[in-house]
């Protein structure tokens, strides 16, 4: 985010009464924490995607070769 955009947000917050500022800051903290969590999960997914694809291909090969059996949910 540019310094100008941050300055705009700060000015907007400063224009609010203190109680509203505190409320907005609390919402902003929660929102940013959620964003960071989403970014973390996206990165984890991206880092494991190649492995997931390889495992799926292996499973397809094993199924095609008859080296698998249907999942029995009662055995779980």
Protein backbone atom coordinates (compact mmCIF):
# COMPACT_ATOMS: atom_id res chain seq x y z
CA UNK A 1 0.00 0.00 0.00
CA UNK A 2 1.30 3.40 -0.84
CA UNK A 3 2.16 5.97 1.78
CA UNK A 4 -0.56 8.18 0.30
CA UNK A 5 -3.21 5.49 0.79
CA UNK A 6 -2.10 4.91 4.38
CA UNK A 7 -2.20 8.66 5.05
CA UNK A 8 -5.75 8.80 3.65
CA UNK A 9 -6.87 6.00 5.97
CA UNK A 10 -5.24 7.68 8.96
CA UNK A 11 -6.97 10.98 8.13
CA UNK A 12 -10.30 9.18 7.81
CA UNK A 13 -9.79 7.55 11.20
CA UNK A 14 -8.71 10.82 12.80
CA UNK A 15 -11.92 12.46 11.63
CA UNK A 16 -13.96 10.06 13.78
CA UNK A 17 -14.73 10.47 17.47
CA UNK A 18 -12.33 8.50 19.70
CA UNK A 19 -14.85 5.75 20.49
CA UNK A 20 -15.52 5.26 16.78
CA UNK A 21 -11.77 5.29 16.10
CA UNK A 22 -11.28 2.48 18.62
CA UNK A 23 -14.13 0.51 17.10
CA UNK A 24 -12.76 0.97 13.57
CA UNK A 25 -9.25 -0.02 14.68
CA UNK A 26 -10.57 -3.18 16.31
CA UNK A 27 -12.43 -4.11 13.11
CA UNK A 28 -9.32 -3.32 11.07
CA UNK A 29 -7.16 -5.56 13.30
CA UNK A 30 -9.61 -8.44 12.89
CA UNK A 31 -9.82 -7.90 9.15
CA UNK A 32 -6.04 -7.79 8.75
CA UNK A 33 -5.64 -10.93 10.86
CA UNK A 34 -8.14 -12.71 8.58
CA UNK A 35 -6.28 -11.50 5.49
CA UNK A 36 -2.96 -12.72 6.86
CA UNK A 37 -4.52 -16.09 7.62
CA UNK A 38 -5.91 -16.35 4.08
CA UNK A 39 -2.51 -15.44 2.62
CA UNK A 40 -0.84 -18.07 4.79
CA UNK A 41 -3.31 -20.77 3.65
CA UNK A 42 -2.95 -19.71 0.00
CA UNK A 43 0.83 -20.01 0.29
CA UNK A 44 0.59 -23.41 1.97
CA UNK A 45 -1.73 -24.62 -0.78
CA UNK A 46 0.53 -23.31 -3.53
CA UNK A 47 3.54 -25.00 -1.94
CA UNK A 48 1.79 -28.38 -1.79
CA UNK A 49 -0.10 -28.26 -5.08
CA UNK A 50 2.59 -30.07 -7.11
CA UNK A 51 2.73 -32.86 -4.52
CA UNK A 52 -1.06 -33.19 -4.53
CA UNK A 53 -1.09 -33.47 -8.33
CA UNK A 54 1.63 -36.15 -8.22
CA UNK A 55 -0.32 -38.14 -5.61
CA UNK A 56 -3.51 -37.89 -7.68
CA UNK A 57 -1.68 -39.15 -10.78
CA UNK A 58 -0.23 -42.05 -8.78
CA UNK A 59 -3.67 -42.94 -7.45
CA UNK A 60 -5.10 -42.93 -11.00
CA UNK A 61 -2.28 -45.22 -12.17
CA UNK A 62 -2.86 -47.60 -9.27
CA UNK A 63 -6.60 -47.69 -9.97
CA UNK A 64 -5.98 -48.34 -13.68
CA UNK A 65 -3.53 -51.14 -12.82
CA UNK A 66 -6.05 -52.77 -10.47
CA UNK A 67 -3.94 -52.13 -7.36
CA UNK A 68 -6.74 -50.49 -5.41
CA UNK A 69 -10.05 -51.35 -3.86
CA UNK A 70 -13.13 -49.29 -3.11
CA UNK A 71 -13.17 -47.49 0.20
CA UNK A 72 -15.33 -49.16 2.81
CA UNK A 73 -16.60 -46.43 5.12
CA UNK A 74 -17.47 -49.00 7.80
CA UNK A 75 -13.76 -49.82 8.13
CA UNK A 76 -12.84 -46.24 9.02
